[in-house]
């Protein structure tokens, strides 16, 4: 097997280090891809899995200024290895988060909500009343997009795959604040026109699927609109009709949260502003953790298997 549970010594605390007791860490698709070796980030082996999670500071080295015992921290970057009970990390690898937000919100904060926040903010300037369209709307990013957009008065058209429990999923997304939920098949149907009687056509499309679903979504994009691809769950290329480029001048862009963090490594202002905005939304109850299943670390195998099943509508969270 690719993974096993091991007991390791906790390394000695250096002057600039922070000793952290991990509290909770999710299993995300990118974590699995890293283990499979199909992700552009590869950590030297043997490695600890997990790119996201929240921990509590137990002790800090004598030159650490920004953190103290009792603080909650999340990874400042990918590749931290969060599936562990304890770790000693250099201070710059950690970001402090407030302790007054729910632990599952903190554990799932650094990847999906940040991605959702950036793709909504960085590509089109959207105003209240504008709309966006996204596929895999029930993913971690999708759920965050719905809630962040809702808080900003932006309408969302949410595309999901047809499935046995579709009415239940639609209900769940509507409860989060989705304006419309449609299946991939519906994107081709005349009923789509009815949606655009009440809201404008989207200037922004968010894609993490690829293949036919993406081509169909692109049809509904406003001329000169932007489609941002941040994932490829279908493992199929993005196909664009030539006419969409020529007659509607659509823009195709890409986004990778890891790269954004690299680009802003020495510019903490946008990072702090984003974390602040997200924590405010969480405190106001406008941004919740995705649907989660909490699993003790010992049962990590079952959690990994569950996270790879098709149509998963609950994120596996390891309790550490």
Foldseek 3Di string as FASTA:
>chain_A
DLDDDDDDDADDAAQQKWKWFFFKAFDDPVQVCQSVVNDPDHDPPPAATGFFGKTFTCQHHNNHDPDGGGWMKIFLFGRPRRLDRMHMGGPLRIDTADPPFDRLCRRLPPAQLLVLVCLQPPDDHDAAQAEEEEEPLLDQNNLNNQLVCQVRNYAYEYEYADDDPVVVVQVVSVVLRHPHYYYLVCLPPPCVVVVCVRGPQHLEYEYAAADPSQQSSLVRHAQQGEYEYEHHNNPYHHDYDVCCCPVRVYHYYYDYSNVVSVVCSPPCVVVVVSSVVSVVCSVVVSGDGFAEDEDESVVVVVQVVLNPDPPRSHIYMYGD
